[in-house]
Amino acid sequence: MMRPDDDATAIFASDGSTIQRLWWSAEDAPVTLTNEAGVSIAPWEVELLRWPPEAEDWLKRSGYLPFRTPDRELWCNCAD
């Protein structure tokens, strides 16, 4: 379970076994996330759980968040 964090700029990610806080640098292009030890984390190594809204575009462009197009067409996966 994630602990609450008062920092609105906090990024939390899971590597499948642990949840860790990551830091990002908006000055880098593309954005690079690092862990507490300063080691860069690749987008395919973690699943982001929480991030600041203002970082969303940068995180998408850097591959940390998938691009999702809204599916406006309703469908049913049931037998008629």
N, C-alpha and C. Protein backbone atom coordinates (compact mmCIF):
# COMPACT_ATOMS: atom_id res chain seq x y z
N MET A 1 0.84 -1.18 0.00
CA MET A 1 0.00 0.00 0.00
C MET A 1 0.88 1.24 0.00
N MET A 2 0.48 2.24 -0.78
CA MET A 2 1.24 3.48 -0.86
C MET A 2 1.00 4.34 0.37
N ARG A 3 2.07 4.92 0.85
CA ARG A 3 1.94 5.86 1.94
C ARG A 3 1.51 7.22 1.38
N PRO A 4 0.70 7.98 2.12
CA PRO A 4 0.33 9.31 1.63
C PRO A 4 1.56 10.20 1.60
N ASP A 5 1.59 11.10 0.65
CA ASP A 5 2.71 12.03 0.50
C ASP A 5 2.12 13.40 0.23
N ASP A 6 2.55 14.38 1.00
CA ASP A 6 2.01 15.72 0.85
C ASP A 6 2.60 16.46 -0.34
N ASP A 7 3.68 15.95 -0.92
CA ASP A 7 4.34 16.59 -2.04
C ASP A 7 3.54 16.34 -3.31
N ALA A 8 2.98 17.40 -3.89
CA ALA A 8 2.16 17.26 -5.09
C ALA A 8 2.99 16.89 -6.31
N THR A 9 4.30 17.03 -6.24
CA THR A 9 5.15 16.70 -7.38
C THR A 9 5.71 15.28 -7.29
N ALA A 10 5.27 14.52 -6.31
CA ALA A 10 5.79 13.16 -6.12
C ALA A 10 5.31 12.23 -7.23
N ILE A 11 6.22 11.36 -7.65
CA ILE A 11 5.90 10.32 -8.62
C ILE A 11 6.15 8.98 -7.93
N PHE A 12 5.15 8.12 -7.97
CA PHE A 12 5.28 6.78 -7.39
C PHE A 12 5.14 5.76 -8.50
N ALA A 13 5.98 4.73 -8.44
CA ALA A 13 5.97 3.69 -9.46
C ALA A 13 6.18 2.33 -8.82
N SER A 14 5.73 1.31 -9.53
CA SER A 14 5.90 -0.06 -9.09
C SER A 14 6.78 -0.80 -10.09
N ASP A 15 7.70 -1.60 -9.57
CA ASP A 15 8.52 -2.44 -10.45
C ASP A 15 8.03 -3.89 -10.42
N GLY A 16 6.85 -4.10 -9.88
CA GLY A 16 6.28 -5.44 -9.78
C GLY A 16 6.41 -6.05 -8.41
N SER A 17 7.39 -5.59 -7.64
CA SER A 17 7.56 -6.14 -6.30
C SER A 17 7.57 -5.05 -5.23
N THR A 18 7.99 -3.86 -5.57
CA THR A 18 8.02 -2.75 -4.62
C THR A 18 7.46 -1.49 -5.23
N ILE A 19 7.04 -0.60 -4.36
CA ILE A 19 6.60 0.74 -4.79
C ILE A 19 7.68 1.70 -4.33
N GLN A 20 8.12 2.54 -5.24
CA GLN A 20 9.16 3.49 -4.91
C GLN A 20 8.82 4.88 -5.41
N ARG A 21 9.40 5.85 -4.77
CA ARG A 21 9.23 7.23 -5.20
C ARG A 21 10.33 7.56 -6.20
N LEU A 22 9.94 8.22 -7.28
CA LEU A 22 10.89 8.62 -8.30
C LEU A 22 10.90 10.14 -8.43
N TRP A 23 11.99 10.67 -8.97
CA TRP A 23 12.12 12.10 -9.21
C TRP A 23 12.32 12.31 -10.70
N TRP A 24 11.86 13.45 -11.19
CA TRP A 24 11.98 13.75 -12.61
C TRP A 24 12.60 15.11 -12.81
N SER A 25 13.19 15.26 -13.97
CA SER A 25 13.80 16.53 -14.32
C SER A 25 13.16 17.02 -15.61
N ALA A 26 12.44 18.12 -15.55
CA ALA A 26 11.78 18.68 -16.72
C ALA A 26 12.78 19.35 -17.65
N GLU A 27 14.00 19.58 -17.17
CA GLU A 27 15.01 20.22 -18.00
C GLU A 27 15.53 19.25 -19.06
N ASP A 28 15.51 17.95 -18.74
CA ASP A 28 15.98 16.94 -19.69
C ASP A 28 14.94 16.72 -20.77
N ALA A 29 15.40 16.46 -21.97
CA ALA A 29 14.49 16.11 -23.05
C ALA A 29 15.04 14.85 -23.70
N PRO A 30 14.45 13.72 -23.62
CA PRO A 30 13.21 13.44 -22.90
C PRO A 30 13.41 13.39 -21.39
N VAL A 31 12.30 13.45 -20.69
CA VAL A 31 12.32 13.42 -19.23
C VAL A 31 12.95 12.11 -18.76
N THR A 32 13.77 12.20 -17.74
CA THR A 32 14.37 11.01 -17.14
C THR A 32 13.92 10.91 -15.69
N LEU A 33 13.43 9.75 -15.32
CA LEU A 33 13.07 9.50 -13.93
C LEU A 33 14.24 8.81 -13.24
N THR A 34 14.49 9.20 -12.01
CA THR A 34 15.56 8.58 -11.23
C THR A 34 15.01 8.15 -9.88
N ASN A 35 15.65 7.14 -9.30
CA ASN A 35 15.25 6.69 -7.96
C ASN A 35 16.02 7.46 -6.90
N GLU A 36 15.85 7.06 -5.66
CA GLU A 36 16.46 7.77 -4.53
C GLU A 36 17.99 7.78 -4.61
N ALA A 37 18.56 6.75 -5.20
CA ALA A 37 20.02 6.66 -5.33
C ALA A 37 20.55 7.44 -6.53
N GLY A 38 19.64 8.01 -7.33
CA GLY A 38 20.06 8.78 -8.50
C GLY A 38 20.23 7.94 -9.76
N VAL A 39 19.80 6.68 -9.70
CA VAL A 39 19.91 5.79 -10.86
C VAL A 39 18.73 6.03 -11.79
N SER A 40 19.01 6.21 -13.08
CA SER A 40 17.95 6.42 -14.08
C SER A 40 17.11 5.16 -14.22
N ILE A 41 15.81 5.35 -14.33
CA ILE A 41 14.86 4.25 -14.48
C ILE A 41 14.27 4.32 -15.88
N ALA A 42 14.36 3.24 -16.63
CA ALA A 42 13.81 3.18 -17.98
C ALA A 42 12.29 3.04 -17.92
N PRO A 43 11.58 3.54 -18.94
CA PRO A 43 10.11 3.45 -18.94
C PRO A 43 9.58 2.04 -18.86
N TRP A 44 10.27 1.06 -19.42
CA TRP A 44 9.77 -0.32 -19.41
C TRP A 44 10.05 -1.05 -18.11
N GLU A 45 10.78 -0.42 -17.19
CA GLU A 45 11.11 -1.07 -15.93
C GLU A 45 10.07 -0.84 -14.84
N VAL A 46 9.21 0.15 -15.01
CA VAL A 46 8.25 0.49 -13.97
C VAL A 46 6.88 0.82 -14.55
N GLU A 47 5.88 0.73 -13.69
CA GLU A 47 4.53 1.18 -14.01
C GLU A 47 4.23 2.35 -13.08
N LEU A 48 3.94 3.50 -13.64
CA LEU A 48 3.66 4.67 -12.81
C LEU A 48 2.30 4.52 -12.15
N LEU A 49 2.26 4.85 -10.87
CA LEU A 49 1.02 4.76 -10.09
C LEU A 49 0.44 6.13 -9.80
N ARG A 50 1.32 7.12 -9.58
CA ARG A 50 0.86 8.49 -9.29
C ARG A 50 1.91 9.46 -9.82
N TRP A 51 1.43 10.54 -10.42
CA TRP A 51 2.32 11.56 -10.96
C TRP A 51 1.59 12.90 -10.94
N PRO A 52 2.33 14.01 -10.97
CA PRO A 52 1.69 15.32 -10.99
C PRO A 52 1.06 15.59 -12.36
N PRO A 53 -0.10 16.19 -12.40
CA PRO A 53 -0.78 16.43 -13.68
C PRO A 53 0.06 17.24 -14.66
N GLU A 54 0.85 18.19 -14.16
CA GLU A 54 1.64 19.02 -15.07
C GLU A 54 2.77 18.24 -15.74
N ALA A 55 3.10 17.08 -15.24
CA ALA A 55 4.17 16.26 -15.82
C ALA A 55 3.66 15.24 -16.84
N GLU A 56 2.35 15.13 -16.98
CA GLU A 56 1.77 14.08 -17.80
C GLU A 56 2.24 14.13 -19.25
N ASP A 57 2.25 15.29 -19.87
CA ASP A 57 2.68 15.38 -21.27
C ASP A 57 4.14 14.97 -21.44
N TRP A 58 5.00 15.42 -20.54
CA TRP A 58 6.41 15.04 -20.60
C TRP A 58 6.59 13.54 -20.41
N LEU A 59 5.85 12.98 -19.48
CA LEU A 59 5.96 11.54 -19.22
C LEU A 59 5.47 10.72 -20.40
N LYS A 60 4.43 11.19 -21.09
CA LYS A 60 3.94 10.50 -22.29
C LYS A 60 4.99 10.55 -23.39
N ARG A 61 5.56 11.73 -23.62
CA ARG A 61 6.56 11.88 -24.68
C ARG A 61 7.82 11.07 -24.40
N SER A 62 8.10 10.82 -23.14
CA SER A 62 9.30 10.08 -22.76
C SER A 62 9.05 8.57 -22.67
N GLY A 63 7.80 8.14 -22.86
CA GLY A 63 7.50 6.72 -22.87
C GLY A 63 7.08 6.13 -21.54
N TYR A 64 7.00 6.94 -20.49
CA TYR A 64 6.61 6.43 -19.18
C TYR A 64 5.10 6.22 -19.07
N LEU A 65 4.34 6.95 -19.86
CA LEU A 65 2.88 6.78 -19.88
C LEU A 65 2.45 6.48 -21.30
N PRO A 66 1.56 5.52 -21.48
CA PRO A 66 1.10 5.22 -22.84
C PRO A 66 0.13 6.29 -23.33
N PHE A 67 0.15 6.51 -24.63
CA PHE A 67 -0.85 7.40 -25.23
C PHE A 67 -2.15 6.64 -25.31
N ARG A 68 -3.19 7.25 -24.82
CA ARG A 68 -4.51 6.61 -24.87
C ARG A 68 -5.46 7.52 -25.61
N THR A 69 -6.09 6.98 -26.62
CA THR A 69 -7.10 7.74 -27.33
C THR A 69 -8.46 7.36 -26.75
N PRO A 70 -9.30 8.34 -26.54
CA PRO A 70 -10.62 8.01 -25.97
C PRO A 70 -11.44 7.18 -26.95
N ASP A 71 -12.01 6.12 -26.45
CA ASP A 71 -12.86 5.26 -27.26
C ASP A 71 -14.29 5.73 -27.07
N ARG A 72 -14.78 6.42 -28.06
CA ARG A 72 -16.11 7.02 -27.94
C ARG A 72 -17.23 6.10 -28.42
N GLU A 73 -16.85 4.99 -29.02
CA GLU A 73 -17.85 4.05 -29.52
C GLU A 73 -18.08 2.96 -28.47
N LEU A 74 -19.31 2.81 -28.06
CA LEU A 74 -19.64 1.78 -27.08
C LEU A 74 -19.71 0.43 -27.78
N TRP A 75 -19.31 -0.61 -27.08
CA TRP A 75 -19.37 -1.94 -27.62
C TRP A 75 -19.74 -2.92 -26.53
N CYS A 76 -20.19 -4.05 -26.94
CA CYS A 76 -20.57 -5.09 -25.99
C CYS A 76 -19.87 -6.39 -26.40
N ASN A 77 -19.31 -7.07 -25.43
CA ASN A 77 -18.66 -8.33 -25.68
C ASN A 77 -19.55 -9.46 -25.17
N CYS A 78 -20.75 -9.49 -25.68
CA CYS A 78 -21.69 -10.50 -25.22
C CYS A 78 -22.38 -11.14 -26.42
N ALA A 79 -22.86 -12.36 -26.23
CA ALA A 79 -23.56 -13.08 -27.29
C ALA A 79 -25.00 -12.59 -27.37
N ASP A 80 -25.45 -12.36 -28.58
CA ASP A 80 -26.84 -11.90 -28.78
C ASP A 80 -27.78 -13.05 -28.93
